[in-house]
PDB file of all heavy atoms in Angstrom:
ATOM      1  N   LEU A   1     196.796 -24.249  11.881  1.00  0.00           N
ATOM      2  CA  LEU A   1     197.434 -23.990  10.590  1.00  0.00           C
ATOM      3  C   LEU A   1     196.748 -24.767   9.476  1.00  0.00           C
ATOM      4  O   LEU A   1     196.498 -24.240   8.398  1.00  0.00           O
ATOM      5  CB  LEU A   1     198.914 -24.356  10.649  1.00  0.00           C
ATOM      6  CG  LEU A   1     199.775 -23.523  11.588  1.00  0.00           C
ATOM      7  CD1 LEU A   1     201.180 -24.081  11.648  1.00  0.00           C
ATOM      8  CD2 LEU A   1     199.790 -22.073  11.151  1.00  0.00           C
ATOM      9  N   SER A   2     196.435 -26.011   9.748  1.00  0.00           N
ATOM     10  CA  SER A   2     195.831 -26.878   8.750  1.00  0.00           C
ATOM     11  C   SER A   2     194.492 -26.333   8.269  1.00  0.00           C
ATOM     12  O   SER A   2     194.169 -26.403   7.084  1.00  0.00           O
ATOM     13  CB  SER A   2     195.647 -28.283   9.313  1.00  0.00           C
ATOM     14  OG  SER A   2     195.093 -29.122   8.345  1.00  0.00           O
ATOM     15  N   SER A   3     193.714 -25.762   9.160  1.00  0.00           N
ATOM     16  CA  SER A   3     192.396 -25.245   8.781  1.00  0.00           C
ATOM     17  C   SER A   3     192.512 -24.006   7.888  1.00  0.00           C
ATOM     18  O   SER A   3     191.545 -23.621   7.241  1.00  0.00           O
ATOM     19  CB  SER A   3     191.566 -24.926  10.022  1.00  0.00           C
ATOM     20  OG  SER A   3     192.152 -23.857  10.745  1.00  0.00           O
ATOM     21  N   SER A   4     193.674 -23.398   7.845  1.00  0.00           N
ATOM     22  CA  SER A   4     193.870 -22.213   7.010  1.00  0.00           C
ATOM     23  C   SER A   4     194.160 -22.555   5.551  1.00  0.00           C
ATOM     24  O   SER A   4     194.134 -21.686   4.689  1.00  0.00           O
ATOM     25  CB  SER A   4     195.047 -21.384   7.542  1.00  0.00           C
ATOM     26  OG  SER A   4     194.779 -20.946   8.843  1.00  0.00           O
ATOM     27  N   ILE A   5     194.434 -23.820   5.287  1.00  0.00           N
ATOM     28  CA  ILE A   5     194.742 -24.259   3.931  1.00  0.00           C
ATOM     29  C   ILE A   5     193.443 -24.599   3.214  1.00  0.00           C
ATOM     30  O   ILE A   5     192.682 -25.448   3.651  1.00  0.00           O
ATOM     31  CB  ILE A   5     195.670 -25.497   3.935  1.00  0.00           C
ATOM     32  CG1 ILE A   5     196.922 -25.244   4.770  1.00  0.00           C
ATOM     33  CG2 ILE A   5     196.007 -25.927   2.518  1.00  0.00           C
ATOM     34  CD1 ILE A   5     197.804 -24.138   4.266  1.00  0.00           C
ATOM     35  N   PHE A   6     193.201 -23.900   2.109  1.00  0.00           N
ATOM     36  CA  PHE A   6     191.968 -24.138   1.355  1.00  0.00           C
ATOM     37  C   PHE A   6     192.079 -25.405   0.508  1.00  0.00           C
ATOM     38  O   PHE A   6     191.200 -26.245   0.509  1.00  0.00           O
ATOM     39  CB  PHE A   6     191.655 -22.925   0.470  1.00  0.00           C
ATOM     40  CG  PHE A   6     190.407 -23.071  -0.344  1.00  0.00           C
ATOM     41  CD1 PHE A   6     189.161 -23.120   0.263  1.00  0.00           C
ATOM     42  CD2 PHE A   6     190.493 -23.166  -1.724  1.00  0.00           C
ATOM     43  CE1 PHE A   6     188.009 -23.261  -0.491  1.00  0.00           C
ATOM     44  CE2 PHE A   6     189.344 -23.303  -2.479  1.00  0.00           C
ATOM     45  CZ  PHE A   6     188.104 -23.344  -1.866  1.00  0.00           C
ATOM     46  N   ILE A   7     193.164 -25.528  -0.238  1.00  0.00           N
ATOM     47  CA  ILE A   7     193.386 -26.696  -1.092  1.00  0.00           C
ATOM     48  C   ILE A   7     194.845 -27.122  -0.950  1.00  0.00           C
ATOM     49  O   ILE A   7     195.746 -26.306  -1.069  1.00  0.00           O
ATOM     50  CB  ILE A   7     193.116 -26.378  -2.577  1.00  0.00           C
ATOM     51  CG1 ILE A   7     191.654 -26.016  -2.801  1.00  0.00           C
ATOM     52  CG2 ILE A   7     193.507 -27.551  -3.466  1.00  0.00           C
ATOM     53  CD1 ILE A   7     191.365 -25.542  -4.211  1.00  0.00           C
ATOM     54  N   TRP A   8     195.070 -28.404  -0.703  1.00  0.00           N
ATOM     55  CA  TRP A   8     196.430 -28.939  -0.650  1.00  0.00           C
ATOM     56  C   TRP A   8     196.856 -29.285  -2.063  1.00  0.00           C
ATOM     57  O   TRP A   8     196.126 -29.924  -2.814  1.00  0.00           O
ATOM     58  CB  TRP A   8     196.473 -30.194   0.231  1.00  0.00           C
ATOM     59  CG  TRP A   8     196.254 -29.890   1.676  1.00  0.00           C
ATOM     60  CD1 TRP A   8     195.072 -29.903   2.348  1.00  0.00           C
ATOM     61  CD2 TRP A   8     197.243 -29.496   2.628  1.00  0.00           C
ATOM     62  NE1 TRP A   8     195.272 -29.546   3.658  1.00  0.00           N
ATOM     63  CE2 TRP A   8     196.586 -29.291   3.861  1.00  0.00           C
ATOM     64  CE3 TRP A   8     198.616 -29.303   2.561  1.00  0.00           C
ATOM     65  CZ2 TRP A   8     197.266 -28.897   5.005  1.00  0.00           C
ATOM     66  CZ3 TRP A   8     199.292 -28.903   3.697  1.00  0.00           C
ATOM     67  CH2 TRP A   8     198.612 -28.710   4.907  1.00  0.00           C
ATOM     68  N   GLN A   9     198.030 -28.836  -2.440  1.00  0.00           N
ATOM     69  CA  GLN A   9     198.564 -29.102  -3.776  1.00  0.00           C
ATOM     70  C   GLN A   9     199.829 -29.943  -3.660  1.00  0.00           C
ATOM     71  O   GLN A   9     200.660 -29.679  -2.802  1.00  0.00           O
ATOM     72  CB  GLN A   9     198.911 -27.792  -4.489  1.00  0.00           C
ATOM     73  CG  GLN A   9     197.730 -26.912  -4.766  1.00  0.00           C
ATOM     74  CD  GLN A   9     196.829 -27.497  -5.832  1.00  0.00           C
ATOM     75  OE1 GLN A   9     197.273 -28.111  -6.778  1.00  0.00           O
ATOM     76  NE2 GLN A   9     195.535 -27.317  -5.664  1.00  0.00           N
ATOM     77  N   HIS A  10     199.938 -30.915  -4.525  1.00  0.00           N
ATOM     78  CA  HIS A  10     201.150 -31.725  -4.597  1.00  0.00           C
ATOM     79  C   HIS A  10     201.905 -31.316  -5.857  1.00  0.00           C
ATOM     80  O   HIS A  10     201.336 -31.281  -6.951  1.00  0.00           O
ATOM     81  CB  HIS A  10     200.802 -33.213  -4.652  1.00  0.00           C
ATOM     82  CG  HIS A  10     202.007 -34.083  -4.792  1.00  0.00           C
ATOM     83  ND1 HIS A  10     202.873 -34.320  -3.757  1.00  0.00           N
ATOM     84  CD2 HIS A  10     202.492 -34.757  -5.855  1.00  0.00           C
ATOM     85  CE1 HIS A  10     203.846 -35.105  -4.173  1.00  0.00           C
ATOM     86  NE2 HIS A  10     203.640 -35.384  -5.440  1.00  0.00           N
ATOM     87  N   PHE A  11     203.171 -30.973  -5.716  1.00  0.00           N
ATOM     88  CA  PHE A  11     203.986 -30.577  -6.852  1.00  0.00           C
ATOM     89  C   PHE A  11     205.008 -31.662  -7.140  1.00  0.00           C
ATOM     90  O   PHE A  11     205.608 -32.214  -6.222  1.00  0.00           O
ATOM     91  CB  PHE A  11     204.722 -29.260  -6.551  1.00  0.00           C
ATOM     92  CG  PHE A  11     203.797 -28.093  -6.455  1.00  0.00           C
ATOM     93  CD1 PHE A  11     203.279 -27.705  -5.237  1.00  0.00           C
ATOM     94  CD2 PHE A  11     203.436 -27.387  -7.595  1.00  0.00           C
ATOM     95  CE1 PHE A  11     202.416 -26.629  -5.144  1.00  0.00           C
ATOM     96  CE2 PHE A  11     202.572 -26.311  -7.511  1.00  0.00           C
ATOM     97  CZ  PHE A  11     202.064 -25.923  -6.283  1.00  0.00           C
ATOM     98  N   THR A  12     205.201 -31.931  -8.401  1.00  0.00           N
ATOM     99  CA  THR A  12     206.218 -32.895  -8.817  1.00  0.00           C
ATOM    100  C   THR A  12     207.333 -32.142  -9.554  1.00  0.00           C
ATOM    101  O   THR A  12     207.141 -31.008 -10.002  1.00  0.00           O
ATOM    102  CB  THR A  12     205.627 -33.968  -9.750  1.00  0.00           C
ATOM    103  OG1 THR A  12     205.057 -33.319 -10.889  1.00  0.00           O
ATOM    104  CG2 THR A  12     204.555 -34.775  -9.032  1.00  0.00           C
ATOM    105  N   ARG A  13     208.457 -32.792  -9.670  1.00  0.00           N
ATOM    106  CA  ARG A  13     209.583 -32.185 -10.383  1.00  0.00           C
ATOM    107  C   ARG A  13     209.240 -32.036 -11.862  1.00  0.00           C
ATOM    108  O   ARG A  13     208.485 -32.833 -12.413  1.00  0.00           O
ATOM    109  CB  ARG A  13     210.823 -33.057 -10.240  1.00  0.00           C
ATOM    110  CG  ARG A  13     211.335 -33.126  -8.822  1.00  0.00           C
ATOM    111  CD  ARG A  13     212.606 -33.972  -8.764  1.00  0.00           C
ATOM    112  NE  ARG A  13     213.038 -34.124  -7.397  1.00  0.00           N
ATOM    113  CZ  ARG A  13     213.797 -33.246  -6.745  1.00  0.00           C
ATOM    114  NH1 ARG A  13     214.194 -32.161  -7.342  1.00  0.00           N
ATOM    115  NH2 ARG A  13     214.161 -33.467  -5.497  1.00  0.00           N
ATOM    116  N   LEU A  14     209.820 -31.022 -12.466  1.00  0.00           N
ATOM    117  CA  LEU A  14     209.674 -30.850 -13.906  1.00  0.00           C
ATOM    118  C   LEU A  14     210.467 -31.938 -14.630  1.00  0.00           C
ATOM    119  O   LEU A  14     211.571 -32.281 -14.212  1.00  0.00           O
ATOM    120  CB  LEU A  14     210.214 -29.478 -14.332  1.00  0.00           C
ATOM    121  CG  LEU A  14     209.525 -28.252 -13.750  1.00  0.00           C
ATOM    122  CD1 LEU A  14     210.328 -26.996 -14.069  1.00  0.00           C
ATOM    123  CD2 LEU A  14     208.122 -28.127 -14.283  1.00  0.00           C
ATOM    124  N   THR A  15     209.918 -32.443 -15.689  1.00  0.00           N
ATOM    125  CA  THR A  15     210.652 -33.393 -16.524  1.00  0.00           C
ATOM    126  C   THR A  15     211.677 -32.593 -17.338  1.00  0.00           C
ATOM    127  O   THR A  15     211.559 -31.366 -17.485  1.00  0.00           O
ATOM    128  CB  THR A  15     209.710 -34.128 -17.496  1.00  0.00           C
ATOM    129  OG1 THR A  15     209.178 -33.177 -18.429  1.00  0.00           O
ATOM    130  CG2 THR A  15     208.590 -34.845 -16.757  1.00  0.00           C
ATOM    131  N   PRO A  16     212.680 -33.265 -17.899  1.00  0.00           N
ATOM    132  CA  PRO A  16     213.654 -32.541 -18.735  1.00  0.00           C
ATOM    133  C   PRO A  16     212.999 -31.757 -19.878  1.00  0.00           C
ATOM    134  O   PRO A  16     213.406 -30.637 -20.180  1.00  0.00           O
ATOM    135  CB  PRO A  16     214.574 -33.648 -19.249  1.00  0.00           C
ATOM    136  CG  PRO A  16     214.533 -34.675 -18.152  1.00  0.00           C
ATOM    137  CD  PRO A  16     213.091 -34.661 -17.679  1.00  0.00           C
ATOM    138  N   ASP A  17     211.982 -32.322 -20.500  1.00  0.00           N
ATOM    139  CA  ASP A  17     211.281 -31.609 -21.574  1.00  0.00           C
ATOM    140  C   ASP A  17     210.542 -30.388 -21.033  1.00  0.00           C
ATOM    141  O   ASP A  17     210.527 -29.331 -21.674  1.00  0.00           O
ATOM    142  CB  ASP A  17     210.295 -32.531 -22.295  1.00  0.00           C
ATOM    143  CG  ASP A  17     210.988 -33.570 -23.165  1.00  0.00           C
ATOM    144  OD1 ASP A  17     212.154 -33.342 -23.554  1.00  0.00           O
ATOM    145  OD2 ASP A  17     210.360 -34.604 -23.452  1.00  0.00           O
ATOM    146  N   GLU A  18     209.926 -30.532 -19.858  1.00  0.00           N
ATOM    147  CA  GLU A  18     209.241 -29.395 -19.248  1.00  0.00           C
ATOM    148  C   GLU A  18     210.224 -28.288 -18.867  1.00  0.00           C
ATOM    149  O   GLU A  18     209.918 -27.109 -19.021  1.00  0.00           O
ATOM    150  CB  GLU A  18     208.450 -29.837 -18.016  1.00  0.00           C
ATOM    151  CG  GLU A  18     207.237 -30.679 -18.337  1.00  0.00           C
ATOM    152  CD  GLU A  18     206.588 -31.291 -17.110  1.00  0.00           C
ATOM    153  OE1 GLU A  18     207.289 -31.564 -16.111  1.00  0.00           O
ATOM    154  OE2 GLU A  18     205.357 -31.502 -17.159  1.00  0.00           O
ATOM    155  N   VAL A  19     211.395 -28.677 -18.388  1.00  0.00           N
ATOM    156  CA  VAL A  19     212.422 -27.688 -18.046  1.00  0.00           C
ATOM    157  C   VAL A  19     212.765 -26.854 -19.275  1.00  0.00           C
ATOM    158  O   VAL A  19     212.802 -25.615 -19.210  1.00  0.00           O
ATOM    159  CB  VAL A  19     213.685 -28.374 -17.474  1.00  0.00           C
ATOM    160  CG1 VAL A  19     214.860 -27.414 -17.436  1.00  0.00           C
ATOM    161  CG2 VAL A  19     213.398 -28.923 -16.088  1.00  0.00           C
ATOM    162  N   LEU A  20     212.994 -27.514 -20.407  1.00  0.00           N
ATOM    163  CA  LEU A  20     213.362 -26.791 -21.626  1.00  0.00           C
ATOM    164  C   LEU A  20     212.233 -25.912 -22.149  1.00  0.00           C
ATOM    165  O   LEU A  20     212.479 -24.911 -22.818  1.00  0.00           O
ATOM    166  CB  LEU A  20     213.810 -27.772 -22.706  1.00  0.00           C
ATOM    167  CG  LEU A  20     215.154 -28.434 -22.457  1.00  0.00           C
ATOM    168  CD1 LEU A  20     215.431 -29.497 -23.507  1.00  0.00           C
ATOM    169  CD2 LEU A  20     216.275 -27.404 -22.416  1.00  0.00           C
ATOM    170  N   GLU A  21     211.014 -26.260 -21.816  1.00  0.00           N
ATOM    171  CA  GLU A  21     209.860 -25.462 -22.241  1.00  0.00           C
ATOM    172  C   GLU A  21     209.579 -24.303 -21.284  1.00  0.00           C
ATOM    173  O   GLU A  21     209.324 -23.178 -21.712  1.00  0.00           O
ATOM    174  CB  GLU A  21     208.627 -26.365 -22.328  1.00  0.00           C
ATOM    175  CG  GLU A  21     207.379 -25.653 -22.791  1.00  0.00           C
ATOM    176  CD  GLU A  21     206.182 -26.587 -22.864  1.00  0.00           C
ATOM    177  OE1 GLU A  21     206.357 -27.807 -22.929  1.00  0.00           O
ATOM    178  OE2 GLU A  21     205.055 -26.053 -22.838  1.00  0.00           O
ATOM    179  N   VAL A  22     209.653 -24.568 -19.980  1.00  0.00           N
ATOM    180  CA  VAL A  22     209.215 -23.600 -18.971  1.00  0.00           C
ATOM    181  C   VAL A  22     210.302 -22.616 -18.559  1.00  0.00           C
ATOM    182  O   VAL A  22     210.038 -21.418 -18.403  1.00  0.00           O
ATOM    183  CB  VAL A  22     208.679 -24.354 -17.725  1.00  0.00           C
ATOM    184  CG1 VAL A  22     208.410 -23.415 -16.570  1.00  0.00           C
ATOM    185  CG2 VAL A  22     207.435 -25.141 -18.093  1.00  0.00           C
ATOM    186  N   ILE A  23     211.505 -23.083 -18.342  1.00  0.00           N
ATOM    187  CA  ILE A  23     212.553 -22.231 -17.771  1.00  0.00           C
ATOM    188  C   ILE A  23     212.884 -21.014 -18.652  1.00  0.00           C
ATOM    189  O   ILE A  23     213.034 -19.917 -18.116  1.00  0.00           O
ATOM    190  CB  ILE A  23     213.804 -23.062 -17.411  1.00  0.00           C
ATOM    191  CG1 ILE A  23     213.449 -24.068 -16.303  1.00  0.00           C
ATOM    192  CG2 ILE A  23     214.960 -22.170 -17.002  1.00  0.00           C
ATOM    193  CD1 ILE A  23     212.823 -23.465 -15.047  1.00  0.00           C
ATOM    194  N   PRO A  24     212.950 -21.134 -19.985  1.00  0.00           N
ATOM    195  CA  PRO A  24     213.183 -19.914 -20.772  1.00  0.00           C
ATOM    196  C   PRO A  24     212.066 -18.874 -20.622  1.00  0.00           C
ATOM    197  O   PRO A  24     212.298 -17.683 -20.824  1.00  0.00           O
ATOM    198  CB  PRO A  24     213.257 -20.432 -22.210  1.00  0.00           C
ATOM    199  CG  PRO A  24     213.711 -21.846 -22.065  1.00  0.00           C
ATOM    200  CD  PRO A  24     213.024 -22.336 -20.813  1.00  0.00           C
ATOM    201  N   LEU A  25     210.885 -19.295 -20.249  1.00  0.00           N
ATOM    202  CA  LEU A  25     209.769 -18.374 -20.032  1.00  0.00           C
ATOM    203  C   LEU A  25     209.748 -17.821 -18.614  1.00  0.00           C
ATOM    204  O   LEU A  25     209.111 -16.800 -18.347  1.00  0.00           O
ATOM    205  CB  LEU A  25     208.434 -19.086 -20.307  1.00  0.00           C
ATOM    206  CG  LEU A  25     208.260 -19.669 -21.706  1.00  0.00           C
ATOM    207  CD1 LEU A  25     206.983 -20.494 -21.776  1.00  0.00           C
ATOM    208  CD2 LEU A  25     208.277 -18.570 -22.749  1.00  0.00           C
ATOM    209  N   PHE A  26     210.436 -18.503 -17.706  1.00  0.00           N
ATOM    210  CA  PHE A  26     210.444 -18.141 -16.283  1.00  0.00           C
ATOM    211  C   PHE A  26     211.144 -16.819 -16.025  1.00  0.00           C
ATOM    212  O   PHE A  26     210.675 -15.985 -15.266  1.00  0.00           O
ATOM    213  CB  PHE A  26     211.097 -19.271 -15.473  1.00  0.00           C
ATOM    214  CG  PHE A  26     211.476 -18.909 -14.070  1.00  0.00           C
ATOM    215  CD1 PHE A  26     210.523 -18.485 -13.170  1.00  0.00           C
ATOM    216  CD2 PHE A  26     212.792 -19.002 -13.657  1.00  0.00           C
ATOM    217  CE1 PHE A  26     210.868 -18.149 -11.868  1.00  0.00           C
ATOM    218  CE2 PHE A  26     213.151 -18.674 -12.364  1.00  0.00           C
ATOM    219  CZ  PHE A  26     212.182 -18.245 -11.467  1.00  0.00           C
ATOM    220  N   HIS A  27     212.299 -16.623 -16.662  1.00  0.00           N
ATOM    221  CA  HIS A  27     213.087 -15.409 -16.405  1.00  0.00           C
ATOM    222  C   HIS A  27     213.891 -15.061 -17.659  1.00  0.00           C
ATOM    223  O   HIS A  27     214.381 -15.953 -18.350  1.00  0.00           O
ATOM    224  CB  HIS A  27     214.032 -15.637 -15.222  1.00  0.00           C
ATOM    225  CG  HIS A  27     214.608 -14.377 -14.694  1.00  0.00           C
ATOM    226  ND1 HIS A  27     215.690 -13.770 -15.283  1.00  0.00           N
ATOM    227  CD2 HIS A  27     214.245 -13.592 -13.655  1.00  0.00           C
ATOM    228  CE1 HIS A  27     215.981 -12.659 -14.621  1.00  0.00           C
ATOM    229  NE2 HIS A  27     215.113 -12.531 -13.632  1.00  0.00           N
ATOM    230  N   PRO A  28     214.055 -13.752 -17.938  1.00  0.00           N
ATOM    231  CA  PRO A  28     214.822 -13.344 -19.126  1.00  0.00           C
ATOM    232  C   PRO A  28     216.258 -13.884 -19.184  1.00  0.00           C
ATOM    233  O   PRO A  28     216.804 -14.038 -20.273  1.00  0.00           O
ATOM    234  CB  PRO A  28     214.832 -11.817 -19.030  1.00  0.00           C
ATOM    235  CG  PRO A  28     213.639 -11.468 -18.222  1.00  0.00           C
ATOM    236  CD  PRO A  28     213.445 -12.615 -17.253  1.00  0.00           C
ATOM    237  N   VAL A  29     216.847 -14.188 -18.032  1.00  0.00           N
ATOM    238  CA  VAL A  29     218.199 -14.766 -18.014  1.00  0.00           C
ATOM    239  C   VAL A  29     218.253 -16.033 -18.865  1.00  0.00           C
ATOM    240  O   VAL A  29     219.248 -16.302 -19.528  1.00  0.00           O
ATOM    241  CB  VAL A  29     218.613 -15.094 -16.559  1.00  0.00           C
ATOM    242  CG1 VAL A  29     219.795 -16.034 -16.502  1.00  0.00           C
ATOM    243  CG2 VAL A  29     218.923 -13.820 -15.799  1.00  0.00           C
ATOM    244  N   TRP A  30     217.174 -16.792 -18.843  1.00  0.00           N
ATOM    245  CA  TRP A  30     217.148 -18.081 -19.536  1.00  0.00           C
ATOM    246  C   TRP A  30     216.560 -17.986 -20.934  1.00  0.00           C
ATOM    247  O   TRP A  30     216.648 -18.940 -21.709  1.00  0.00           O
ATOM    248  CB  TRP A  30     216.358 -19.101 -18.709  1.00  0.00           C
ATOM    249  CG  TRP A  30     216.845 -19.199 -17.317  1.00  0.00           C
ATOM    250  CD1 TRP A  30     216.190 -18.801 -16.178  1.00  0.00           C
ATOM    251  CD2 TRP A  30     218.109 -19.694 -16.875  1.00  0.00           C
ATOM    252  NE1 TRP A  30     216.972 -19.022 -15.083  1.00  0.00           N
ATOM    253  CE2 TRP A  30     218.158 -19.569 -15.470  1.00  0.00           C
ATOM    254  CE3 TRP A  30     219.215 -20.236 -17.532  1.00  0.00           C
ATOM    255  CZ2 TRP A  30     219.257 -19.970 -14.714  1.00  0.00           C
ATOM    256  CZ3 TRP A  30     220.319 -20.631 -16.781  1.00  0.00           C
ATOM    257  CH2 TRP A  30     220.321 -20.493 -15.386  1.00  0.00           C
ATOM    258  N   ALA A  31     215.966 -16.839 -21.282  1.00  0.00           N
ATOM    259  CA  ALA A  31     215.268 -16.706 -22.566  1.00  0.00           C
ATOM    260  C   ALA A  31     216.180 -16.961 -23.761  1.00  0.00           C
ATOM    261  O   ALA A  31     215.768 -17.594 -24.735  1.00  0.00           O
ATOM    262  CB  ALA A  31     214.616 -15.334 -22.672  1.00  0.00           C
ATOM    263  N   ASP A  32     217.413 -16.461 -23.705  1.00  0.00           N
ATOM    264  CA  ASP A  32     218.325 -16.665 -24.831  1.00  0.00           C
ATOM    265  C   ASP A  32     219.460 -17.634 -24.510  1.00  0.00           C
ATOM    266  O   ASP A  32     220.440 -17.730 -25.238  1.00  0.00           O
ATOM    267  CB  ASP A  32     218.889 -15.331 -25.322  1.00  0.00           C
ATOM    268  CG  ASP A  32     219.786 -14.654 -24.304  1.00  0.00           C
ATOM    269  OD1 ASP A  32     219.785 -15.072 -23.133  1.00  0.00           O
ATOM    270  OD2 ASP A  32     220.492 -13.699 -24.685  1.00  0.00           O
ATOM    271  N   ALA A  33     219.297 -18.364 -23.415  1.00  0.00           N
ATOM    272  CA  ALA A  33     220.319 -19.352 -23.032  1.00  0.00           C
ATOM    273  C   ALA A  33     220.279 -20.543 -23.984  1.00  0.00           C
ATOM    274  O   ALA A  33     219.219 -20.934 -24.477  1.00  0.00           O
ATOM    275  CB  ALA A  33     220.089 -19.819 -21.598  1.00  0.00           C
ATOM    276  N   ASP A  34     221.429 -21.099 -24.215  1.00  0.00           N
ATOM    277  CA  ASP A  34     221.541 -22.305 -25.024  1.00  0.00           C
ATOM    278  C   ASP A  34     220.799 -23.434 -24.306  1.00  0.00           C
ATOM    279  O   ASP A  34     220.999 -23.635 -23.100  1.00  0.00           O
ATOM    280  CB  ASP A  34     223.027 -22.651 -25.183  1.00  0.00           C
ATOM    281  CG  ASP A  34     223.271 -23.818 -26.111  1.00  0.00           C
ATOM    282  OD1 ASP A  34     222.553 -24.831 -26.021  1.00  0.00           O
ATOM    283  OD2 ASP A  34     224.206 -23.710 -26.916  1.00  0.00           O
ATOM    284  N   PRO A  35     219.945 -24.180 -24.999  1.00  0.00           N
ATOM    285  CA  PRO A  35     219.243 -25.296 -24.354  1.00  0.00           C
ATOM    286  C   PRO A  35     220.189 -26.293 -23.686  1.00  0.00           C
ATOM    287  O   PRO A  35     219.846 -26.882 -22.656  1.00  0.00           O
ATOM    288  CB  PRO A  35     218.463 -25.952 -25.498  1.00  0.00           C
ATOM    289  CG  PRO A  35     218.261 -24.842 -26.469  1.00  0.00           C
ATOM    290  CD  PRO A  35     219.501 -23.982 -26.375  1.00  0.00           C
ATOM    291  N   ASP A  36     221.389 -26.463 -24.240  1.00  0.00           N
ATOM    292  CA  ASP A  36     222.368 -27.359 -23.615  1.00  0.00           C
ATOM    293  C   ASP A  36     222.805 -26.826 -22.251  1.00  0.00           C
ATOM    294  O   ASP A  36     223.048 -27.606 -21.323  1.00  0.00           O
ATOM    295  CB  ASP A  36     223.596 -27.550 -24.503  1.00  0.00           C
ATOM    296  CG  ASP A  36     223.305 -28.395 -25.734  1.00  0.00           C
ATOM    297  OD1 ASP A  36     222.313 -29.157 -25.719  1.00  0.00           O
ATOM    298  OD2 ASP A  36     224.064 -28.288 -26.712  1.00  0.00           O
ATOM    299  N   ASP A  37     222.896 -25.504 -22.118  1.00  0.00           N
ATOM    300  CA  ASP A  37     223.259 -24.917 -20.826  1.00  0.00           C
ATOM    301  C   ASP A  37     222.122 -25.061 -19.815  1.00  0.00           C
ATOM    302  O   ASP A  37     222.365 -25.277 -18.628  1.00  0.00           O
ATOM    303  CB  ASP A  37     223.654 -23.445 -20.985  1.00  0.00           C
ATOM    304  CG  ASP A  37     224.966 -23.286 -21.740  1.00  0.00           C
ATOM    305  OD1 ASP A  37     225.792 -24.227 -21.721  1.00  0.00           O
ATOM    306  OD2 ASP A  37     225.161 -22.219 -22.352  1.00  0.00           O
ATOM    307  N   ILE A  38     220.894 -24.951 -20.277  1.00  0.00           N
ATOM    308  CA  ILE A  38     219.744 -25.162 -19.388  1.00  0.00           C
ATOM    309  C   ILE A  38     219.717 -26.608 -18.910  1.00  0.00           C
ATOM    310  O   ILE A  38     219.522 -26.885 -17.723  1.00  0.00           O
ATOM    311  CB  ILE A  38     218.426 -24.766 -20.086  1.00  0.00           C
ATOM    312  CG1 ILE A  38     218.402 -23.253 -20.334  1.00  0.00           C
ATOM    313  CG2 ILE A  38     217.219 -25.210 -19.270  1.00  0.00           C
ATOM    314  CD1 ILE A  38     217.243 -22.771 -21.166  1.00  0.00           C
ATOM    315  N   THR A  39     219.941 -27.533 -19.823  1.00  0.00           N
ATOM    316  CA  THR A  39     219.995 -28.951 -19.459  1.00  0.00           C
ATOM    317  C   THR A  39     221.138 -29.214 -18.489  1.00  0.00           C
ATOM    318  O   THR A  39     220.984 -29.953 -17.508  1.00  0.00           O
ATOM    319  CB  THR A  39     220.143 -29.823 -20.727  1.00  0.00           C
ATOM    320  OG1 THR A  39     219.005 -29.597 -21.565  1.00  0.00           O
ATOM    321  CG2 THR A  39     220.243 -31.292 -20.386  1.00  0.00           C
ATOM    322  N   PHE A  40     222.288 -28.594 -18.736  1.00  0.00           N
ATOM    323  CA  PHE A  40     223.450 -28.716 -17.846  1.00  0.00           C
ATOM    324  C   PHE A  40     223.088 -28.229 -16.443  1.00  0.00           C
ATOM    325  O   PHE A  40     223.372 -28.900 -15.446  1.00  0.00           O
ATOM    326  CB  PHE A  40     224.606 -27.899 -18.428  1.00  0.00           C
ATOM    327  CG  PHE A  40     225.836 -27.855 -17.573  1.00  0.00           C
ATOM    328  CD1 PHE A  40     226.704 -28.937 -17.527  1.00  0.00           C
ATOM    329  CD2 PHE A  40     226.129 -26.726 -16.831  1.00  0.00           C
ATOM    330  CE1 PHE A  40     227.854 -28.889 -16.747  1.00  0.00           C
ATOM    331  CE2 PHE A  40     227.276 -26.673 -16.044  1.00  0.00           C
ATOM    332  CZ  PHE A  40     228.139 -27.756 -16.007  1.00  0.00           C
TER     333      PHE A  40
END
C-alpha cells in the first residue's frame, strides 16, 4: 500500500479565519449563511 502513495500530504485544521473564507465557497448551502452561523 505504501508504495502506491506518490506524495504524502499532511493536512491541518482550518483556522477560524480560513473557515469563514473557504466554507462559503465550498457549498451553496453556506454561500448566503450568516458568518455567525458558520462560526457557530
